[in-house]
Amino acid sequence: MRFQGQVAIVTGGAGGIGQASARLLASQGARVIVADLDATAGEAVAAEIREAGYVATFHPVDVSVYEQVEALVRFAVDTYGQLDIMFNNAGIFGDGSQNVIDLPIDVYKRMISINQDGVFYGIKAAAAVMKERGGVIINTASIYAYIADKNQLPYHASKAAVVGMTKASALELGRYNIRVVAIAPGMIDTGLIDAWREDERVWNTIQKAHMRRKLGTAEQVANVVAFLASDEASFLNGHAYFVDDGAASFKR
């Protein structure tokens, strides 16, 4: 199997892209640690994977706290003896209700602490154990790292930082045979955008954001994550890869 004998951590694994990725990696042989702040949902995902005949364990984590991310990585090594794939996927999305003038500082800081600091902590903690045998670190960025939308400054800032950290850490960690890459999804049909379904005008606009006028699925993104984690992608490094049906490539 593609990831036989390997160990993977997926943060934000209780739902959306993380859940789909955890399922796929496990189905292809990886022993997966489903990591999330939501223990109930995370445990359910891990149990579902085990019921399907694969290996998965849940571990709670608040990615905005370095000590918890470090403990997560240590748990993977203590439990399975190694860490081969680190998918720094946990993140939050803004509600688009406040412009930069009205944006509360604490809202900005919370977004940065989870989306940006959380990825840095994951890179740092994973690299510390991967440096002995190599590995792959995958970070979730966004097309919003490249294009602007109204009232989303903290999200733009955090995801642009993910792209920058991906490039910088790939350069620094190459000597240890560690690859660092990122994905930049477009609008994916997950719980992060559920609130927008209630506004028909906004929802129609979102659906038209892609070249084929439909949202992506978590499973489509998971397929790209699995490819990037595999040996088939062994010469891919230091870049963010769009998973957006061309959303970042055309004027609306």
C-alpha atoms as a PDB file:
ATOM      1  CA  MET A   1       0.000   0.000   0.000  1.00  0.00           C
ATOM      2  CA  ARG A   2       1.073   3.577  -0.681  1.00  0.00           C
ATOM      3  CA  PHE A   3       1.857   4.511   2.941  1.00  0.00           C
ATOM      4  CA  GLN A   4       2.436   1.084   4.452  1.00  0.00           C
ATOM      5  CA  GLY A   5       4.575   1.362   7.579  1.00  0.00           C
ATOM      6  CA  GLN A   6       4.260   5.142   7.755  1.00  0.00           C
ATOM      7  CA  VAL A   7       2.798   7.342  10.483  1.00  0.00           C
ATOM      8  CA  ALA A   8       0.785  10.486   9.787  1.00  0.00           C
ATOM      9  CA  ILE A   9      -0.625  13.291  11.924  1.00  0.00           C
ATOM     10  CA  VAL A  10      -3.598  15.252  10.615  1.00  0.00           C
ATOM     11  CA  THR A  11      -4.552  18.364  12.567  1.00  0.00           C
ATOM     12  CA  GLY A  12      -8.086  19.596  12.141  1.00  0.00           C
ATOM     13  CA  GLY A  13      -8.849  15.945  11.535  1.00  0.00           C
ATOM     14  CA  ALA A  14     -12.359  15.978  12.986  1.00  0.00           C
ATOM     15  CA  GLY A  15     -13.987  17.414   9.878  1.00  0.00           C
ATOM     16  CA  GLY A  16     -13.720  18.693   6.334  1.00  0.00           C
ATOM     17  CA  ILE A  17     -10.404  18.366   4.530  1.00  0.00           C
ATOM     18  CA  GLY A  18      -8.704  16.916   7.608  1.00  0.00           C
ATOM     19  CA  GLN A  19     -11.284  14.183   8.064  1.00  0.00           C
ATOM     20  CA  ALA A  20     -11.189  13.210   4.388  1.00  0.00           C
ATOM     21  CA  SER A  21      -7.384  13.198   4.411  1.00  0.00           C
ATOM     22  CA  ALA A  22      -7.168  11.093   7.565  1.00  0.00           C
ATOM     23  CA  ARG A  23      -9.512   8.528   6.044  1.00  0.00           C
ATOM     24  CA  LEU A  24      -7.608   8.389   2.764  1.00  0.00           C
ATOM     25  CA  LEU A  25      -4.135   8.174   4.308  1.00  0.00           C
ATOM     26  CA  ALA A  26      -5.309   5.397   6.617  1.00  0.00           C
ATOM     27  CA  SER A  27      -6.950   3.490   3.760  1.00  0.00           C
ATOM     28  CA  GLN A  28      -3.615   3.580   1.955  1.00  0.00           C
ATOM     29  CA  GLY A  29      -1.709   2.071   4.845  1.00  0.00           C
ATOM     30  CA  ALA A  30      -0.720   4.922   7.149  1.00  0.00           C
ATOM     31  CA  ARG A  31      -1.184   4.758  10.882  1.00  0.00           C
ATOM     32  CA  VAL A  32      -3.010   8.026  11.464  1.00  0.00           C
ATOM     33  CA  ILE A  33      -3.300  10.302  14.467  1.00  0.00           C
ATOM     34  CA  VAL A  34      -6.482  12.335  14.141  1.00  0.00           C
ATOM     35  CA  ALA A  35      -5.791  15.565  16.039  1.00  0.00           C
ATOM     36  CA  ASP A  36      -8.395  18.183  16.842  1.00  0.00           C
ATOM     37  CA  LEU A  37      -9.752  20.475  19.528  1.00  0.00           C
ATOM     38  CA  ASP A  38     -13.145  18.784  19.208  1.00  0.00           C
ATOM     39  CA  ALA A  39     -12.617  15.536  21.086  1.00  0.00           C
ATOM     40  CA  THR A  40     -16.063  14.096  20.417  1.00  0.00           C
ATOM     41  CA  ALA A  41     -15.873  14.543  16.643  1.00  0.00           C
ATOM     42  CA  GLY A  42     -12.210  13.552  16.527  1.00  0.00           C
ATOM     43  CA  GLU A  43     -12.789  10.338  18.441  1.00  0.00           C
ATOM     44  CA  ALA A  44     -15.671   9.530  16.101  1.00  0.00           C
ATOM     45  CA  VAL A  45     -13.476   9.943  13.014  1.00  0.00           C
ATOM     46  CA  ALA A  46     -10.751   7.735  14.482  1.00  0.00           C
ATOM     47  CA  ALA A  47     -13.318   5.096  15.472  1.00  0.00           C
ATOM     48  CA  GLU A  48     -14.838   5.147  11.984  1.00  0.00           C
ATOM     49  CA  ILE A  49     -11.396   4.580  10.442  1.00  0.00           C
ATOM     50  CA  ARG A  50     -10.736   1.666  12.782  1.00  0.00           C
ATOM     51  CA  GLU A  51     -14.136   0.164  12.016  1.00  0.00           C
ATOM     52  CA  ALA A  52     -13.151   0.213   8.345  1.00  0.00           C
ATOM     53  CA  GLY A  53     -10.164  -1.980   9.238  1.00  0.00           C
ATOM     54  CA  TYR A  54      -7.414   0.633   9.362  1.00  0.00           C
ATOM     55  CA  VAL A  55      -5.259   2.145  12.114  1.00  0.00           C
ATOM     56  CA  ALA A  56      -6.179   5.475  13.706  1.00  0.00           C
ATOM     57  CA  THR A  57      -5.898   7.123  17.105  1.00  0.00           C
ATOM     58  CA  PHE A  58      -7.348  10.389  18.321  1.00  0.00           C
ATOM     59  CA  HIS A  59      -5.287  12.950  20.228  1.00  0.00           C
ATOM     60  CA  PRO A  60      -6.607  16.327  21.398  1.00  0.00           C
ATOM     61  CA  VAL A  61      -4.720  19.453  20.416  1.00  0.00           C
ATOM     62  CA  ASP A  62      -5.064  23.219  20.441  1.00  0.00           C
ATOM     63  CA  VAL A  63      -2.643  24.149  17.679  1.00  0.00           C
ATOM     64  CA  SER A  64      -2.316  27.692  19.006  1.00  0.00           C
ATOM     65  CA  VAL A  65      -0.386  26.305  22.004  1.00  0.00           C
ATOM     66  CA  TYR A  66       3.099  25.065  21.140  1.00  0.00           C
ATOM     67  CA  GLU A  67       3.351  22.714  24.105  1.00  0.00           C
ATOM     68  CA  GLN A  68       0.230  20.881  22.922  1.00  0.00           C
ATOM     69  CA  VAL A  69       1.553  20.524  19.376  1.00  0.00           C
ATOM     70  CA  GLU A  70       4.870  19.268  20.705  1.00  0.00           C
ATOM     71  CA  ALA A  71       2.995  16.775  22.915  1.00  0.00           C
ATOM     72  CA  LEU A  72       1.019  15.617  19.864  1.00  0.00           C
ATOM     73  CA  VAL A  73       4.184  14.872  17.929  1.00  0.00           C
ATOM     74  CA  ARG A  74       5.705  13.152  20.937  1.00  0.00           C
ATOM     75  CA  PHE A  75       2.554  11.028  21.242  1.00  0.00           C
ATOM     76  CA  ALA A  76       2.939   9.887  17.629  1.00  0.00           C
ATOM     77  CA  VAL A  77       6.540   8.839  18.213  1.00  0.00           C
ATOM     78  CA  ASP A  78       5.817   7.212  21.578  1.00  0.00           C
ATOM     79  CA  THR A  79       2.845   5.300  20.163  1.00  0.00           C
ATOM     80  CA  TYR A  80       4.103   4.295  16.721  1.00  0.00           C
ATOM     81  CA  GLY A  81       7.864   4.836  16.909  1.00  0.00           C
ATOM     82  CA  GLN A  82       8.159   7.476  14.186  1.00  0.00           C
ATOM     83  CA  LEU A  83       6.525  10.303  12.254  1.00  0.00           C
ATOM     84  CA  ASP A  84       6.580  10.413   8.460  1.00  0.00           C
ATOM     85  CA  ILE A  85       3.772  12.784   7.444  1.00  0.00           C
ATOM     86  CA  MET A  86       2.665  15.951   9.241  1.00  0.00           C
ATOM     87  CA  PHE A  87      -0.427  17.605   7.791  1.00  0.00           C
ATOM     88  CA  ASN A  88      -0.820  21.031   9.408  1.00  0.00           C
ATOM     89  CA  ASN A  89      -4.420  21.530   8.414  1.00  0.00           C
ATOM     90  CA  ALA A  90      -6.254  23.009  11.412  1.00  0.00           C
ATOM     91  CA  GLY A  91      -7.616  26.472  10.752  1.00  0.00           C
ATOM     92  CA  ILE A  92     -10.524  28.888  11.083  1.00  0.00           C
ATOM     93  CA  PHE A  93     -12.208  31.265   8.654  1.00  0.00           C
ATOM     94  CA  GLY A  94     -13.437  34.824   9.232  1.00  0.00           C
ATOM     95  CA  ASP A  95     -17.121  35.719   9.024  1.00  0.00           C
ATOM     96  CA  GLY A  96     -16.444  38.609   6.640  1.00  0.00           C
ATOM     97  CA  SER A  97     -18.399  41.077   8.763  1.00  0.00           C
ATOM     98  CA  GLN A  98     -15.709  43.637   9.682  1.00  0.00           C
ATOM     99  CA  ASN A  99     -13.296  45.705   7.664  1.00  0.00           C
ATOM    100  CA  VAL A 100      -9.769  46.503   8.768  1.00  0.00           C
ATOM    101  CA  ILE A 101     -10.828  49.687  10.582  1.00  0.00           C
ATOM    102  CA  ASP A 102     -13.511  48.009  12.687  1.00  0.00           C
ATOM    103  CA  LEU A 103     -11.745  44.678  13.156  1.00  0.00           C
ATOM    104  CA  PRO A 104     -11.133  43.954  16.872  1.00  0.00           C
ATOM    105  CA  ILE A 105      -7.518  43.213  17.715  1.00  0.00           C
ATOM    106  CA  ASP A 106      -8.462  40.038  19.565  1.00  0.00           C
ATOM    107  CA  VAL A 107     -10.234  38.668  16.457  1.00  0.00           C
ATOM    108  CA  TYR A 108      -7.118  39.324  14.395  1.00  0.00           C
ATOM    109  CA  LYS A 109      -4.847  37.709  16.991  1.00  0.00           C
ATOM    110  CA  ARG A 110      -7.017  34.604  17.300  1.00  0.00           C
ATOM    111  CA  MET A 111      -6.911  34.029  13.547  1.00  0.00           C
ATOM    112  CA  ILE A 112      -3.135  34.449  13.484  1.00  0.00           C
ATOM    113  CA  SER A 113      -2.627  32.203  16.517  1.00  0.00           C
ATOM    114  CA  ILE A 114      -4.459  29.281  14.919  1.00  0.00           C
ATOM    115  CA  ASN A 115      -3.842  29.613  11.177  1.00  0.00           C
ATOM    116  CA  GLN A 116      -0.298  30.978  11.268  1.00  0.00           C
ATOM    117  CA  ASP A 117       1.266  30.141  14.621  1.00  0.00           C
ATOM    118  CA  GLY A 118      -0.334  26.691  14.567  1.00  0.00           C
ATOM    119  CA  VAL A 119       1.358  25.859  11.276  1.00  0.00           C
ATOM    120  CA  PHE A 120       4.707  27.153  12.499  1.00  0.00           C
ATOM    121  CA  TYR A 121       4.396  25.049  15.649  1.00  0.00           C
ATOM    122  CA  GLY A 122       3.562  21.980  13.570  1.00  0.00           C
ATOM    123  CA  ILE A 123       6.543  22.517  11.284  1.00  0.00           C
ATOM    124  CA  LYS A 124       8.894  23.072  14.198  1.00  0.00           C
ATOM    125  CA  ALA A 125       7.727  20.123  16.302  1.00  0.00           C
ATOM    126  CA  ALA A 126       7.543  17.679  13.395  1.00  0.00           C
ATOM    127  CA  ALA A 127      10.922  18.651  11.957  1.00  0.00           C
ATOM    128  CA  ALA A 128      12.583  18.061  15.315  1.00  0.00           C
ATOM    129  CA  VAL A 129      11.714  14.350  15.129  1.00  0.00           C
ATOM    130  CA  MET A 130      11.812  13.956  11.335  1.00  0.00           C
ATOM    131  CA  LYS A 131      15.388  15.183  11.011  1.00  0.00           C
ATOM    132  CA  GLU A 132      16.727  11.711  11.809  1.00  0.00           C
ATOM    133  CA  ARG A 133      14.925   9.898   8.973  1.00  0.00           C
ATOM    134  CA  GLY A 134      13.244  12.506   6.757  1.00  0.00           C
ATOM    135  CA  GLY A 135       9.564  13.077   6.135  1.00  0.00           C
ATOM    136  CA  VAL A 136       6.918  15.249   4.525  1.00  0.00           C
ATOM    137  CA  ILE A 137       5.231  18.288   6.036  1.00  0.00           C
ATOM    138  CA  ILE A 138       2.096  19.561   4.309  1.00  0.00           C
ATOM    139  CA  ASN A 139       0.483  22.874   5.252  1.00  0.00           C
ATOM    140  CA  THR A 140      -2.983  24.152   4.409  1.00  0.00           C
ATOM    141  CA  ALA A 141      -2.820  27.607   2.866  1.00  0.00           C
ATOM    142  CA  SER A 142      -5.567  29.030   0.619  1.00  0.00           C
ATOM    143  CA  ILE A 143      -6.174  30.855  -2.627  1.00  0.00           C
ATOM    144  CA  TYR A 144      -6.725  33.781  -0.242  1.00  0.00           C
ATOM    145  CA  ALA A 145      -2.956  33.889   0.164  1.00  0.00           C
ATOM    146  CA  TYR A 146      -2.922  35.198  -3.422  1.00  0.00           C
ATOM    147  CA  ILE A 147      -6.207  37.020  -4.037  1.00  0.00           C
ATOM    148  CA  ALA A 148      -8.120  39.545  -1.929  1.00  0.00           C
ATOM    149  CA  ASP A 149     -11.683  39.505  -0.655  1.00  0.00           C
ATOM    150  CA  LYS A 150     -13.510  42.080   1.437  1.00  0.00           C
ATOM    151  CA  ASN A 151     -13.345  41.948   5.221  1.00  0.00           C
ATOM    152  CA  GLN A 152     -10.967  38.989   5.412  1.00  0.00           C
ATOM    153  CA  LEU A 153      -7.640  40.639   6.277  1.00  0.00           C
ATOM    154  CA  PRO A 154      -6.667  38.283   9.144  1.00  0.00           C
ATOM    155  CA  TYR A 155      -7.386  35.229   6.996  1.00  0.00           C
ATOM    156  CA  HIS A 156      -5.407  36.656   4.082  1.00  0.00           C
ATOM    157  CA  ALA A 157      -2.502  37.491   6.378  1.00  0.00           C
ATOM    158  CA  SER A 158      -2.429  34.079   8.029  1.00  0.00           C
ATOM    159  CA  LYS A 159      -2.624  32.100   4.805  1.00  0.00           C
ATOM    160  CA  ALA A 160      -0.008  34.247   3.033  1.00  0.00           C
ATOM    161  CA  ALA A 161       2.246  33.540   6.010  1.00  0.00           C
ATOM    162  CA  VAL A 162       1.679  29.801   5.537  1.00  0.00           C
ATOM    163  CA  VAL A 163       2.973  30.065   1.968  1.00  0.00           C
ATOM    164  CA  GLY A 164       6.029  32.002   3.138  1.00  0.00           C
ATOM    165  CA  MET A 165       6.760  29.563   5.948  1.00  0.00           C
ATOM    166  CA  THR A 166       6.412  26.645   3.551  1.00  0.00           C
ATOM    167  CA  LYS A 167       9.091  28.076   1.256  1.00  0.00           C
ATOM    168  CA  ALA A 168      11.452  29.072   4.078  1.00  0.00           C
ATOM    169  CA  SER A 169      11.182  25.811   6.017  1.00  0.00           C
ATOM    170  CA  ALA A 170      11.567  23.718   2.864  1.00  0.00           C
ATOM    171  CA  LEU A 171      14.863  25.474   2.221  1.00  0.00           C
ATOM    172  CA  GLU A 172      16.086  25.016   5.788  1.00  0.00           C
ATOM    173  CA  LEU A 173      14.939  21.414   6.214  1.00  0.00           C
ATOM    174  CA  GLY A 174      16.089  20.021   2.880  1.00  0.00           C
ATOM    175  CA  ARG A 175      19.378  18.961   4.427  1.00  0.00           C
ATOM    176  CA  TYR A 176      17.423  16.516   6.603  1.00  0.00           C
ATOM    177  CA  ASN A 177      15.527  15.019   3.649  1.00  0.00           C
ATOM    178  CA  ILE A 178      12.341  16.718   4.816  1.00  0.00           C
ATOM    179  CA  ARG A 179      10.018  18.068   2.127  1.00  0.00           C
ATOM    180  CA  VAL A 180       7.666  20.929   2.972  1.00  0.00           C
ATOM    181  CA  VAL A 181       4.770  21.736   0.664  1.00  0.00           C
ATOM    182  CA  ALA A 182       1.379  23.407   0.925  1.00  0.00           C
ATOM    183  CA  ILE A 183      -2.051  23.220  -0.625  1.00  0.00           C
ATOM    184  CA  ALA A 184      -4.053  26.309  -1.584  1.00  0.00           C
ATOM    185  CA  PRO A 185      -7.698  25.242  -1.787  1.00  0.00           C
ATOM    186  CA  GLY A 186     -10.466  27.292  -3.314  1.00  0.00           C
ATOM    187  CA  MET A 187     -13.984  27.190  -1.909  1.00  0.00           C
ATOM    188  CA  ILE A 188     -14.421  23.686  -0.552  1.00  0.00           C
ATOM    189  CA  ASP A 189     -17.793  22.396   0.596  1.00  0.00           C
ATOM    190  CA  THR A 190     -17.039  21.947   4.309  1.00  0.00           C
ATOM    191  CA  GLY A 191     -18.371  23.220   7.607  1.00  0.00           C
ATOM    192  CA  LEU A 192     -16.142  26.310   7.401  1.00  0.00           C
ATOM    193  CA  ILE A 193     -18.526  27.913   4.931  1.00  0.00           C
ATOM    194  CA  ASP A 194     -21.827  26.578   6.274  1.00  0.00           C
ATOM    195  CA  ALA A 195     -22.938  30.020   7.477  1.00  0.00           C
ATOM    196  CA  TRP A 196     -22.882  31.326   3.906  1.00  0.00           C
ATOM    197  CA  ARG A 197     -25.479  28.810   2.729  1.00  0.00           C
ATOM    198  CA  GLU A 198     -28.171  30.861   4.459  1.00  0.00           C
ATOM    199  CA  ASP A 199     -27.638  33.851   2.140  1.00  0.00           C
ATOM    200  CA  GLU A 200     -28.762  32.857  -1.367  1.00  0.00           C
ATOM    201  CA  ARG A 201     -26.950  35.765  -3.018  1.00  0.00           C
ATOM    202  CA  VAL A 202     -23.664  34.993  -1.273  1.00  0.00           C
ATOM    203  CA  TRP A 203     -24.025  31.266  -1.916  1.00  0.00           C
ATOM    204  CA  ASN A 204     -24.602  31.800  -5.639  1.00  0.00           C
ATOM    205  CA  THR A 205     -21.504  34.006  -5.781  1.00  0.00           C
ATOM    206  CA  ILE A 206     -19.422  31.350  -4.053  1.00  0.00           C
ATOM    207  CA  GLN A 207     -20.572  28.656  -6.461  1.00  0.00           C
ATOM    208  CA  LYS A 208     -19.545  30.834  -9.398  1.00  0.00           C
ATOM    209  CA  ALA A 209     -16.063  31.400  -7.976  1.00  0.00           C
ATOM    210  CA  HIS A 210     -14.667  28.414  -9.859  1.00  0.00           C
ATOM    211  CA  MET A 211     -14.217  27.855 -13.569  1.00  0.00           C
ATOM    212  CA  ARG A 212     -16.731  25.006 -13.680  1.00  0.00           C
ATOM    213  CA  ARG A 213     -19.151  26.816 -11.361  1.00  0.00           C
ATOM    214  CA  LYS A 214     -19.174  24.313  -8.530  1.00  0.00           C
ATOM    215  CA  LEU A 215     -17.534  23.906  -5.153  1.00  0.00           C
ATOM    216  CA  GLY A 216     -14.744  21.465  -4.480  1.00  0.00           C
ATOM    217  CA  THR A 217     -15.133  18.545  -2.092  1.00  0.00           C
ATOM    218  CA  ALA A 218     -12.970  17.577   0.843  1.00  0.00           C
ATOM    219  CA  GLU A 219     -12.253  14.275  -0.877  1.00  0.00           C
ATOM    220  CA  GLN A 220     -10.862  16.053  -3.949  1.00  0.00           C
ATOM    221  CA  VAL A 221      -8.452  17.979  -1.746  1.00  0.00           C
ATOM    222  CA  ALA A 222      -7.532  14.829   0.190  1.00  0.00           C
ATOM    223  CA  ASN A 223      -6.466  13.197  -3.068  1.00  0.00           C
ATOM    224  CA  VAL A 224      -3.944  15.998  -3.588  1.00  0.00           C
ATOM    225  CA  VAL A 225      -2.732  15.742   0.016  1.00  0.00           C
ATOM    226  CA  ALA A 226      -2.109  12.018  -0.397  1.00  0.00           C
ATOM    227  CA  PHE A 227      -0.250  12.595  -3.662  1.00  0.00           C
ATOM    228  CA  LEU A 228       1.972  15.270  -2.097  1.00  0.00           C
ATOM    229  CA  ALA A 229       2.738  12.964   0.828  1.00  0.00           C
ATOM    230  CA  SER A 230       3.688  10.081  -1.461  1.00  0.00           C
ATOM    231  CA  ASP A 231       6.925   9.084  -3.161  1.00  0.00           C
ATOM    232  CA  GLU A 232       5.294  10.033  -6.455  1.00  0.00           C
ATOM    233  CA  ALA A 233       5.749  13.660  -5.404  1.00  0.00           C
ATOM    234  CA  SER A 234       9.337  13.208  -4.211  1.00  0.00           C
ATOM    235  CA  PHE A 235      10.658  16.085  -6.354  1.00  0.00           C
ATOM    236  CA  LEU A 236       7.969  18.545  -5.261  1.00  0.00           C
ATOM    237  CA  ASN A 237       9.150  20.897  -2.554  1.00  0.00           C
ATOM    238  CA  GLY A 238       8.773  24.452  -1.280  1.00  0.00           C
ATOM    239  CA  HIS A 239       5.621  25.357  -3.200  1.00  0.00           C
ATOM    240  CA  ALA A 240       1.907  25.770  -2.548  1.00  0.00           C
ATOM    241  CA  TYR A 241      -0.279  23.851  -4.993  1.00  0.00           C
ATOM    242  CA  PHE A 242      -3.651  25.262  -6.041  1.00  0.00           C
ATOM    243  CA  VAL A 243      -6.646  22.967  -5.554  1.00  0.00           C
ATOM    244  CA  ASP A 244      -9.224  25.433  -6.774  1.00  0.00           C
ATOM    245  CA  ASP A 245     -10.640  24.575 -10.216  1.00  0.00           C
ATOM    246  CA  GLY A 246      -8.908  27.697 -11.504  1.00  0.00           C
ATOM    247  CA  ALA A 247     -10.489  30.111  -9.001  1.00  0.00           C
ATOM    248  CA  ALA A 248      -7.290  32.089  -8.534  1.00  0.00           C
ATOM    249  CA  SER A 249      -6.727  32.380 -12.293  1.00  0.00           C
ATOM    250  CA  PHE A 250      -9.617  34.450 -13.616  1.00  0.00           C
ATOM    251  CA  LYS A 251     -11.464  37.712 -13.024  1.00  0.00           C
ATOM    252  CA  ARG A 252     -15.004  37.351 -11.762  1.00  0.00           C
END
